[in-house]
Amino acid sequence: MKTRIDEACQRMPAKYRDAFLLWVEESMPYAEIAIALQTTAITARWRVCKAREYLRRALKPYMEFEQL
């Protein structure tokens, strides 16, 4: 599964991937991500959110979800 996650991350737009990787791998808070990416904390949070949505869509075929 890690390979699929890595592949999905590589296909993700860079602005989302950069924010997501700083958040996940470096455990940076949004304020620090904003400084690193020269944007606002709100935009950093939005980019991480979009990255997570992208990964959910990209990995959905490989996940088993129960339908409610």
PDB file of N, CA and C in Angstrom:
ATOM      1  N   MET A   1       0.830  -1.204   0.000  1.00  0.00           N
ATOM      2  CA  MET A   1       0.000   0.000   0.000  1.00  0.00           C
ATOM      3  C   MET A   1       0.870   1.261   0.000  1.00  0.00           C
ATOM      4  N   LYS A   2       2.026   1.209   0.683  1.00  0.00           N
ATOM      5  CA  LYS A   2       2.880   2.389   0.722  1.00  0.00           C
ATOM      6  C   LYS A   2       3.298   2.817  -0.678  1.00  0.00           C
ATOM      7  N   THR A   3       3.579   1.851  -1.543  1.00  0.00           N
ATOM      8  CA  THR A   3       3.958   2.174  -2.917  1.00  0.00           C
ATOM      9  C   THR A   3       2.837   2.917  -3.624  1.00  0.00           C
ATOM     10  N   ARG A   4       1.597   2.487  -3.425  1.00  0.00           N
ATOM     11  CA  ARG A   4       0.459   3.163  -4.053  1.00  0.00           C
ATOM     12  C   ARG A   4       0.297   4.578  -3.514  1.00  0.00           C
ATOM     13  N   ILE A   5       0.533   4.755  -2.227  1.00  0.00           N
ATOM     14  CA  ILE A   5       0.445   6.092  -1.630  1.00  0.00           C
ATOM     15  C   ILE A   5       1.536   6.982  -2.220  1.00  0.00           C
ATOM     16  N   ASP A   6       2.755   6.451  -2.295  1.00  0.00           N
ATOM     17  CA  ASP A   6       3.864   7.222  -2.869  1.00  0.00           C
ATOM     18  C   ASP A   6       3.584   7.603  -4.321  1.00  0.00           C
ATOM     19  N   GLU A   7       3.043   6.658  -5.087  1.00  0.00           N
ATOM     20  CA  GLU A   7       2.725   6.936  -6.487  1.00  0.00           C
ATOM     21  C   GLU A   7       1.635   8.004  -6.596  1.00  0.00           C
ATOM     22  N   ALA A   8       0.622   7.911  -5.752  1.00  0.00           N
ATOM     23  CA  ALA A   8      -0.457   8.907  -5.757  1.00  0.00           C
ATOM     24  C   ALA A   8       0.087  10.277  -5.377  1.00  0.00           C
ATOM     25  N   CYS A   9       0.999  10.313  -4.416  1.00  0.00           N
ATOM     26  CA  CYS A   9       1.605  11.594  -4.014  1.00  0.00           C
ATOM     27  C   CYS A   9       2.390  12.208  -5.176  1.00  0.00           C
ATOM     28  N   GLN A  10       3.086  11.381  -5.938  1.00  0.00           N
ATOM     29  CA  GLN A  10       3.865  11.889  -7.066  1.00  0.00           C
ATOM     30  C   GLN A  10       2.979  12.469  -8.166  1.00  0.00           C
ATOM     31  N   ARG A  11       1.772  11.929  -8.313  1.00  0.00           N
ATOM     32  CA  ARG A  11       0.846  12.435  -9.335  1.00  0.00           C
ATOM     33  C   ARG A  11       0.078  13.679  -8.870  1.00  0.00           C
ATOM     34  N   MET A  12       0.098  13.942  -7.587  1.00  0.00           N
ATOM     35  CA  MET A  12      -0.616  15.081  -7.012  1.00  0.00           C
ATOM     36  C   MET A  12       0.040  16.395  -7.456  1.00  0.00           C
ATOM     37  N   PRO A  13      -0.754  17.451  -7.669  1.00  0.00           N
ATOM     38  CA  PRO A  13      -0.150  18.755  -7.968  1.00  0.00           C
ATOM     39  C   PRO A  13       0.849  19.155  -6.875  1.00  0.00           C
ATOM     40  N   ALA A  14       1.965  19.719  -7.287  1.00  0.00           N
ATOM     41  CA  ALA A  14       3.071  20.029  -6.367  1.00  0.00           C
ATOM     42  C   ALA A  14       2.654  20.903  -5.191  1.00  0.00           C
ATOM     43  N   LYS A  15       1.793  21.890  -5.421  1.00  0.00           N
ATOM     44  CA  LYS A  15       1.440  22.787  -4.312  1.00  0.00           C
ATOM     45  C   LYS A  15       0.698  22.045  -3.206  1.00  0.00           C
ATOM     46  N   TYR A  16      -0.057  21.015  -3.566  1.00  0.00           N
ATOM     47  CA  TYR A  16      -0.744  20.206  -2.547  1.00  0.00           C
ATOM     48  C   TYR A  16       0.228  19.212  -1.921  1.00  0.00           C
ATOM     49  N   ARG A  17       1.047  18.583  -2.761  1.00  0.00           N
ATOM     50  CA  ARG A  17       2.007  17.591  -2.270  1.00  0.00           C
ATOM     51  C   ARG A  17       2.982  18.217  -1.279  1.00  0.00           C
ATOM     52  N   ASP A  18       3.503  19.390  -1.614  1.00  0.00           N
ATOM     53  CA  ASP A  18       4.472  20.042  -0.732  1.00  0.00           C
ATOM     54  C   ASP A  18       3.882  20.316   0.648  1.00  0.00           C
ATOM     55  N   ALA A  19       2.686  20.862   0.674  1.00  0.00           N
ATOM     56  CA  ALA A  19       2.037  21.157   1.955  1.00  0.00           C
ATOM     57  C   ALA A  19       1.751  19.871   2.720  1.00  0.00           C
ATOM     58  N   PHE A  20       1.250  18.862   2.024  1.00  0.00           N
ATOM     59  CA  PHE A  20       0.910  17.588   2.657  1.00  0.00           C
ATOM     60  C   PHE A  20       2.139  16.926   3.261  1.00  0.00           C
ATOM     61  N   LEU A  21       3.234  16.881   2.507  1.00  0.00           N
ATOM     62  CA  LEU A  21       4.442  16.214   3.010  1.00  0.00           C
ATOM     63  C   LEU A  21       5.046  16.951   4.200  1.00  0.00           C
ATOM     64  N   LEU A  22       4.991  18.265   4.198  1.00  0.00           N
ATOM     65  CA  LEU A  22       5.466  19.007   5.373  1.00  0.00           C
ATOM     66  C   LEU A  22       4.597  18.691   6.591  1.00  0.00           C
ATOM     67  N   TRP A  23       3.319  18.551   6.358  1.00  0.00           N
ATOM     68  CA  TRP A  23       2.378  18.257   7.443  1.00  0.00           C
ATOM     69  C   TRP A  23       2.570  16.841   7.973  1.00  0.00           C
ATOM     70  N   VAL A  24       2.720  15.864   7.057  1.00  0.00           N
ATOM     71  CA  VAL A  24       2.815  14.457   7.458  1.00  0.00           C
ATOM     72  C   VAL A  24       4.223  14.068   7.892  1.00  0.00           C
ATOM     73  N   GLU A  25       5.199  14.342   7.059  1.00  0.00           N
ATOM     74  CA  GLU A  25       6.552  13.849   7.319  1.00  0.00           C
ATOM     75  C   GLU A  25       7.335  14.712   8.301  1.00  0.00           C
ATOM     76  N   GLU A  26       7.065  16.003   8.318  1.00  0.00           N
ATOM     77  CA  GLU A  26       7.795  16.907   9.209  1.00  0.00           C
ATOM     78  C   GLU A  26       6.975  17.318  10.427  1.00  0.00           C
ATOM     79  N   SER A  27       5.706  16.924  10.455  1.00  0.00           N
ATOM     80  CA  SER A  27       4.787  17.268  11.556  1.00  0.00           C
ATOM     81  C   SER A  27       4.720  18.777  11.801  1.00  0.00           C
ATOM     82  N   MET A  28       4.805  19.538  10.723  1.00  0.00           N
ATOM     83  CA  MET A  28       4.753  20.994  10.847  1.00  0.00           C
ATOM     84  C   MET A  28       3.324  21.464  11.082  1.00  0.00           C
ATOM     85  N   PRO A  29       3.160  22.447  11.947  1.00  0.00           N
ATOM     86  CA  PRO A  29       1.844  23.078  12.066  1.00  0.00           C
ATOM     87  C   PRO A  29       1.592  23.953  10.833  1.00  0.00           C
ATOM     88  N   TYR A  30       0.329  24.273  10.617  1.00  0.00           N
ATOM     89  CA  TYR A  30      -0.036  25.037   9.422  1.00  0.00           C
ATOM     90  C   TYR A  30       0.699  26.377   9.334  1.00  0.00           C
ATOM     91  N   ALA A  31       0.924  27.020  10.456  1.00  0.00           N
ATOM     92  CA  ALA A  31       1.618  28.317  10.439  1.00  0.00           C
ATOM     93  C   ALA A  31       3.035  28.172   9.890  1.00  0.00           C
ATOM     94  N   GLU A  32       3.726  27.099  10.263  1.00  0.00           N
ATOM     95  CA  GLU A  32       5.089  26.876   9.767  1.00  0.00           C
ATOM     96  C   GLU A  32       5.082  26.449   8.296  1.00  0.00           C
ATOM     97  N   ILE A  33       4.084  25.662   7.907  1.00  0.00           N
ATOM     98  CA  ILE A  33       3.953  25.290   6.501  1.00  0.00           C
ATOM     99  C   ILE A  33       3.761  26.553   5.666  1.00  0.00           C
ATOM    100  N   ALA A  34       2.938  27.457   6.169  1.00  0.00           N
ATOM    101  CA  ALA A  34       2.681  28.716   5.465  1.00  0.00           C
ATOM    102  C   ALA A  34       3.971  29.502   5.254  1.00  0.00           C
ATOM    103  N   ILE A  35       4.799  29.556   6.279  1.00  0.00           N
ATOM    104  CA  ILE A  35       6.074  30.272   6.159  1.00  0.00           C
ATOM    105  C   ILE A  35       6.967  29.583   5.127  1.00  0.00           C
ATOM    106  N   ALA A  36       7.063  28.268   5.216  1.00  0.00           N
ATOM    107  CA  ALA A  36       7.921  27.511   4.297  1.00  0.00           C
ATOM    108  C   ALA A  36       7.474  27.665   2.844  1.00  0.00           C
ATOM    109  N   LEU A  37       6.158  27.747   2.629  1.00  0.00           N
ATOM    110  CA  LEU A  37       5.624  27.826   1.266  1.00  0.00           C
ATOM    111  C   LEU A  37       5.258  29.248   0.856  1.00  0.00           C
ATOM    112  N   GLN A  38       5.576  30.198   1.720  1.00  0.00           N
ATOM    113  CA  GLN A  38       5.310  31.618   1.455  1.00  0.00           C
ATOM    114  C   GLN A  38       3.842  31.863   1.104  1.00  0.00           C
ATOM    115  N   THR A  39       2.984  31.415   2.005  1.00  0.00           N
ATOM    116  CA  THR A  39       1.553  31.615   1.838  1.00  0.00           C
ATOM    117  C   THR A  39       0.944  31.862   3.213  1.00  0.00           C
ATOM    118  N   THR A  40      -0.369  31.845   3.304  1.00  0.00           N
ATOM    119  CA  THR A  40      -1.026  32.052   4.596  1.00  0.00           C
ATOM    120  C   THR A  40      -1.319  30.704   5.251  1.00  0.00           C
ATOM    121  N   ALA A  41      -1.568  30.723   6.550  1.00  0.00           N
ATOM    122  CA  ALA A  41      -1.903  29.495   7.273  1.00  0.00           C
ATOM    123  C   ALA A  41      -3.215  28.908   6.754  1.00  0.00           C
ATOM    124  N   ILE A  42      -4.146  29.762   6.399  1.00  0.00           N
ATOM    125  CA  ILE A  42      -5.426  29.281   5.860  1.00  0.00           C
ATOM    126  C   ILE A  42      -5.196  28.548   4.540  1.00  0.00           C
ATOM    127  N   THR A  43      -4.358  29.099   3.686  1.00  0.00           N
ATOM    128  CA  THR A  43      -4.055  28.451   2.408  1.00  0.00           C
ATOM    129  C   THR A  43      -3.303  27.146   2.635  1.00  0.00           C
ATOM    130  N   ALA A  44      -2.385  27.118   3.584  1.00  0.00           N
ATOM    131  CA  ALA A  44      -1.653  25.891   3.906  1.00  0.00           C
ATOM    132  C   ALA A  44      -2.624  24.805   4.351  1.00  0.00           C
ATOM    133  N   ARG A  45      -3.561  25.151   5.217  1.00  0.00           N
ATOM    134  CA  ARG A  45      -4.563  24.193   5.695  1.00  0.00           C
ATOM    135  C   ARG A  45      -5.413  23.700   4.524  1.00  0.00           C
ATOM    136  N   TRP A  46      -5.806  24.605   3.634  1.00  0.00           N
ATOM    137  CA  TRP A  46      -6.624  24.255   2.485  1.00  0.00           C
ATOM    138  C   TRP A  46      -5.872  23.297   1.560  1.00  0.00           C
ATOM    139  N   ARG A  47      -4.585  23.551   1.355  1.00  0.00           N
ATOM    140  CA  ARG A  47      -3.789  22.682   0.483  1.00  0.00           C
ATOM    141  C   ARG A  47      -3.637  21.284   1.069  1.00  0.00           C
ATOM    142  N   VAL A  48      -3.437  21.193   2.371  1.00  0.00           N
ATOM    143  CA  VAL A  48      -3.361  19.877   3.014  1.00  0.00           C
ATOM    144  C   VAL A  48      -4.701  19.153   2.870  1.00  0.00           C
ATOM    145  N   CYS A  49      -5.785  19.877   3.060  1.00  0.00           N
ATOM    146  CA  CYS A  49      -7.118  19.293   2.903  1.00  0.00           C
ATOM    147  C   CYS A  49      -7.307  18.778   1.479  1.00  0.00           C
ATOM    148  N   LYS A  50      -6.943  19.560   0.494  1.00  0.00           N
ATOM    149  CA  LYS A  50      -7.065  19.149  -0.903  1.00  0.00           C
ATOM    150  C   LYS A  50      -6.181  17.935  -1.202  1.00  0.00           C
ATOM    151  N   ALA A  51      -5.004  17.894  -0.616  1.00  0.00           N
ATOM    152  CA  ALA A  51      -4.112  16.750  -0.810  1.00  0.00           C
ATOM    153  C   ALA A  51      -4.740  15.485  -0.237  1.00  0.00           C
ATOM    154  N   ARG A  52      -5.336  15.585   0.932  1.00  0.00           N
ATOM    155  CA  ARG A  52      -5.994  14.429   1.543  1.00  0.00           C
ATOM    156  C   ARG A  52      -7.173  13.968   0.687  1.00  0.00           C
ATOM    157  N   GLU A  53      -7.936  14.900   0.152  1.00  0.00           N
ATOM    158  CA  GLU A  53      -9.047  14.548  -0.737  1.00  0.00           C
ATOM    159  C   GLU A  53      -8.517  13.843  -1.985  1.00  0.00           C
ATOM    160  N   TYR A  54      -7.438  14.362  -2.544  1.00  0.00           N
ATOM    161  CA  TYR A  54      -6.830  13.769  -3.730  1.00  0.00           C
ATOM    162  C   TYR A  54      -6.423  12.319  -3.441  1.00  0.00           C
ATOM    163  N   LEU A  55      -5.770  12.100  -2.300  1.00  0.00           N
ATOM    164  CA  LEU A  55      -5.338  10.751  -1.950  1.00  0.00           C
ATOM    165  C   LEU A  55      -6.519   9.820  -1.730  1.00  0.00           C
ATOM    166  N   ARG A  56      -7.567  10.323  -1.083  1.00  0.00           N
ATOM    167  CA  ARG A  56      -8.764   9.495  -0.876  1.00  0.00           C
ATOM    168  C   ARG A  56      -9.327   9.017  -2.211  1.00  0.00           C
ATOM    169  N   ARG A  57      -9.439   9.936  -3.163  1.00  0.00           N
ATOM    170  CA  ARG A  57      -9.965   9.575  -4.488  1.00  0.00           C
ATOM    171  C   ARG A  57      -9.024   8.608  -5.212  1.00  0.00           C
ATOM    172  N   ALA A  58      -7.724   8.889  -5.159  1.00  0.00           N
ATOM    173  CA  ALA A  58      -6.749   8.070  -5.871  1.00  0.00           C
ATOM    174  C   ALA A  58      -6.650   6.658  -5.293  1.00  0.00           C
ATOM    175  N   LEU A  59      -6.844   6.522  -3.993  1.00  0.00           N
ATOM    176  CA  LEU A  59      -6.675   5.221  -3.338  1.00  0.00           C
ATOM    177  C   LEU A  59      -7.985   4.476  -3.114  1.00  0.00           C
ATOM    178  N   LYS A  60      -9.087   5.106  -3.417  1.00  0.00           N
ATOM    179  CA  LYS A  60     -10.388   4.490  -3.184  1.00  0.00           C
ATOM    180  C   LYS A  60     -10.521   3.105  -3.818  1.00  0.00           C
ATOM    181  N   PRO A  61     -10.041   2.893  -5.047  1.00  0.00           N
ATOM    182  CA  PRO A  61     -10.168   1.557  -5.635  1.00  0.00           C
ATOM    183  C   PRO A  61      -9.445   0.459  -4.838  1.00  0.00           C
ATOM    184  N   TYR A  62      -8.487   0.839  -4.023  1.00  0.00           N
ATOM    185  CA  TYR A  62      -7.703  -0.133  -3.274  1.00  0.00           C
ATOM    186  C   TYR A  62      -8.192  -0.329  -1.840  1.00  0.00           C
ATOM    187  N   MET A  63      -9.174   0.434  -1.456  1.00  0.00           N
ATOM    188  CA  MET A  63      -9.674   0.380  -0.086  1.00  0.00           C
ATOM    189  C   MET A  63     -11.029  -0.314  -0.057  1.00  0.00           C
ATOM    190  N   GLU A  64     -11.317  -0.957   1.039  1.00  0.00           N
ATOM    191  CA  GLU A  64     -12.622  -1.558   1.227  1.00  0.00           C
ATOM    192  C   GLU A  64     -13.402  -0.703   2.210  1.00  0.00           C
ATOM    193  N   PHE A  65     -14.476  -0.120   1.730  1.00  0.00           N
ATOM    194  CA  PHE A  65     -15.326   0.710   2.569  1.00  0.00           C
ATOM    195  C   PHE A  65     -16.676   0.050   2.690  1.00  0.00           C
ATOM    196  N   GLU A  66     -17.252   0.127   3.855  1.00  0.00           N
ATOM    197  CA  GLU A  66     -18.605  -0.360   4.041  1.00  0.00           C
ATOM    198  C   GLU A  66     -19.571   0.739   3.626  1.00  0.00           C
ATOM    199  N   GLN A  67     -20.593   0.365   2.898  1.00  0.00           N
ATOM    200  CA  GLN A  67     -21.621   1.301   2.516  1.00  0.00           C
ATOM    201  C   GLN A  67     -22.663   1.371   3.623  1.00  0.00           C
ATOM    202  N   LEU A  68     -22.990   2.568   4.045  1.00  0.00           N
ATOM    203  CA  LEU A  68     -24.006   2.719   5.088  1.00  0.00           C
ATOM    204  C   LEU A  68     -25.373   2.812   4.483  1.00  0.00           C
TER     205      LEU A  68
END
